Protein backbone atom coordinates (compact mmCIF):
# COMPACT_ATOMS: atom_id res chain seq x y z
CA GLN A 1 222.29 27.09 214.76
CA SER A 2 218.76 25.80 215.02
CA PHE A 3 215.69 27.26 213.39
CA ARG A 4 214.41 28.68 216.68
CA GLU A 5 217.56 30.62 217.37
CA GLY A 6 217.58 32.24 213.90
CA LEU A 7 213.92 33.37 213.94
CA PRO A 8 213.09 36.47 215.98
CA TRP A 9 210.12 35.07 217.92
CA SER A 10 209.49 38.42 219.52
CA LEU A 11 208.25 39.71 216.13
CA LEU A 12 205.83 36.81 215.66
CA TRP A 13 203.03 38.76 217.38
CA LEU A 14 202.93 41.14 214.36
CA THR A 15 201.43 38.43 212.13
CA PRO A 16 197.91 38.54 213.64
CA LEU A 17 197.95 42.34 213.58
CA GLY A 18 198.88 42.34 209.90
CA ALA A 19 196.13 39.86 209.09
CA PHE A 20 193.64 41.96 211.08
CA GLY A 21 194.67 45.13 209.23
CA PHE A 22 194.39 43.46 205.83
CA ASN A 23 190.98 42.02 206.73
CA SER A 24 189.77 45.45 207.88
CA TYR A 25 191.04 47.01 204.63
CA SER A 26 189.45 44.34 202.43
CA LEU A 27 186.04 44.78 204.09
CA GLU A 28 185.96 48.54 203.47
CA PRO A 29 184.05 48.41 200.12
CA GLN A 30 181.34 46.29 201.77
CA ARG A 31 181.04 48.74 204.65
CA ARG A 32 180.66 51.69 202.28
CA HIS A 33 178.09 49.81 200.20
CA ARG A 34 176.05 48.99 203.33
CA LEU A 35 176.14 52.67 204.32
CA GLY A 36 174.89 53.76 200.88
CA GLN A 37 172.25 51.04 200.86
CA ALA A 38 170.94 52.03 204.31
CA ALA A 39 170.83 55.71 203.32
CA ALA A 40 169.00 54.89 200.07
CA GLU A 41 166.42 52.83 201.98
CA GLU A 42 165.89 55.67 204.46
CA ILE A 43 165.39 58.21 201.66
CA ALA A 44 163.05 55.91 199.70
CA GLU A 45 160.92 55.44 202.80
CA SER A 46 160.87 59.07 203.96
CA CYS A 47 160.97 60.94 200.64
CA PRO A 48 159.30 58.94 197.84
CA ALA A 49 159.69 61.83 195.34
CA VAL A 50 163.37 60.99 194.86
CA PRO A 51 163.81 58.87 191.69
CA PRO A 52 164.99 55.26 192.14
CA ASP A 53 167.89 55.92 189.75
CA ALA A 54 169.21 58.64 192.09
CA LEU A 55 169.08 56.18 194.99
CA GLU A 56 170.90 53.58 192.91
CA ALA A 57 173.60 56.16 192.16
CA LEU A 58 173.92 56.79 195.92
CA GLU A 59 174.40 53.07 196.59
CA LYS A 60 177.17 52.87 193.98
CA ALA A 61 178.94 56.09 195.00
CA GLU A 62 182.40 55.70 196.49
CA GLY A 63 182.63 58.79 198.66
CA LYS A 64 185.77 60.47 199.95
CA GLU A 65 187.36 60.04 203.33
CA TYR A 66 188.23 63.69 203.99
CA SER A 67 189.58 63.08 207.49
CA THR A 68 190.49 60.03 209.53
CA ASN A 69 187.30 58.00 209.96
CA ALA A 70 185.11 60.72 208.41
CA LEU A 71 183.44 60.07 205.05
CA ARG A 72 181.50 62.32 202.68
CA VAL A 73 179.39 61.07 199.76
CA GLU A 74 177.86 63.52 197.29
CA VAL A 75 175.68 62.39 194.40
CA GLU A 76 174.08 64.58 191.76
CA TRP A 77 171.51 62.89 189.54
CA PRO A 78 171.18 63.10 186.68
CA ALA A 79 174.86 63.85 186.35
CA PRO A 80 175.59 67.16 184.61
CA GLY A 81 176.17 66.61 180.91
CA SER A 82 174.57 63.14 180.85
CA ALA A 83 171.81 62.07 178.47
CA GLU A 84 169.26 62.04 181.30
CA SER A 85 170.04 65.65 182.27
CA ALA A 86 169.26 66.93 178.75
CA GLY A 87 165.58 65.98 178.97
CA SER A 88 165.03 66.74 182.64
CA ASP A 89 164.13 70.10 184.14
CA ARG A 90 165.27 69.17 187.64
CA SER A 91 168.18 67.40 189.23
CA TRP A 92 168.65 65.82 192.64
CA CYS A 93 171.57 66.27 195.01
CA ILE A 94 172.12 63.82 197.87
CA GLU A 95 174.74 64.52 200.54
CA LEU A 96 175.76 61.95 203.12
CA SER A 97 178.31 62.37 205.90
CA ALA A 98 179.37 59.44 208.08
CA SER A 99 181.91 58.70 210.76
CA ARG A 100 183.25 55.83 212.83
CA SER A 101 185.40 55.39 215.90
CA PHE A 102 187.94 52.93 214.48
CA SER A 103 188.77 51.62 211.03
CA TRP A 104 187.35 48.19 211.87
CA ASN A 105 183.93 49.66 212.75
CA ASP A 106 181.04 50.17 210.34
CA TRP A 107 180.22 53.67 209.16
CA SER A 108 177.38 55.42 211.00
CA PRO A 109 175.58 58.26 209.18
CA ASP A 110 175.86 61.73 210.71
CA LYS A 111 174.03 63.85 208.13
CA LEU A 112 171.77 62.97 205.22
CA ARG A 113 170.42 65.77 203.04
CA VAL A 114 168.38 65.66 199.84
CA SER A 115 167.86 68.75 197.69
CA CYS A 116 166.23 69.33 194.35
CA LYS A 117 167.55 71.81 191.80
CA VAL A 118 164.81 73.40 189.74
CA PRO A 119 165.07 76.04 187.01
CA VAL A 120 164.59 79.65 188.12
CA LYS A 121 161.20 81.06 187.11
CA GLU A 122 161.13 83.67 184.37
CA HIS A 123 160.15 86.57 186.64
CA GLU A 124 162.99 85.72 189.01
CA ALA A 125 165.50 85.47 186.17
CA GLY A 126 165.68 89.27 185.90
CA LYS A 127 167.44 89.54 189.26
CA LEU A 128 171.16 90.06 189.43
CA PRO A 129 173.14 86.82 189.22
CA PRO A 130 175.05 85.59 192.26
CA GLN A 131 178.71 86.55 192.45
CA THR A 132 180.69 83.42 191.74
CA ARG A 133 184.10 82.81 190.26
CA ASN A 134 183.11 80.76 187.20
CA TRP A 135 179.63 82.11 186.49
CA ASP A 136 178.33 81.64 182.94
CA ALA A 137 175.53 83.94 181.78
CA SER A 138 174.42 81.47 179.11
CA ALA A 139 174.07 78.55 181.56
CA ARG A 140 170.67 77.54 182.85
CA GLN A 141 169.96 79.17 186.19
CA VAL A 142 168.75 76.77 188.87
CA GLN A 143 167.68 77.16 192.45
CA SER A 144 168.37 74.47 195.05
CA GLN A 145 165.48 73.56 197.36
CA LEU A 146 165.98 71.41 200.43
CA VAL A 147 163.60 68.44 200.17
CA TRP A 148 164.61 66.26 203.10
């Protein structure tokens, strides 16, 4: 029996598809980084009030693919409980949603939202608290304001 007769040549066409799939998978971190970088540049240009450290956190964020070819990235800066959040009276929240047609395509942004959380003013603090499941009366009350 020769080599040709023992090898199923009909399955040989799977090799390029496997290489293509692996290449597409290995490029995914670069695609996500480019998406974060483009979003950070857009925010820096359109909304200069956002701190550069928040934009850097957006560039480094991984995001979660919540559906096939649909990605959501949420960054809160400074992160709750971090050293930066102790001395700051405001925090920034950046939300980015992106999608693509196929896994080998780059991500294209669908929604980009920037909001700023500021402490509630003293005269507003007397209002009834919102009804939430894990509300803590001793926690600092903040109000989220859409910035961009």
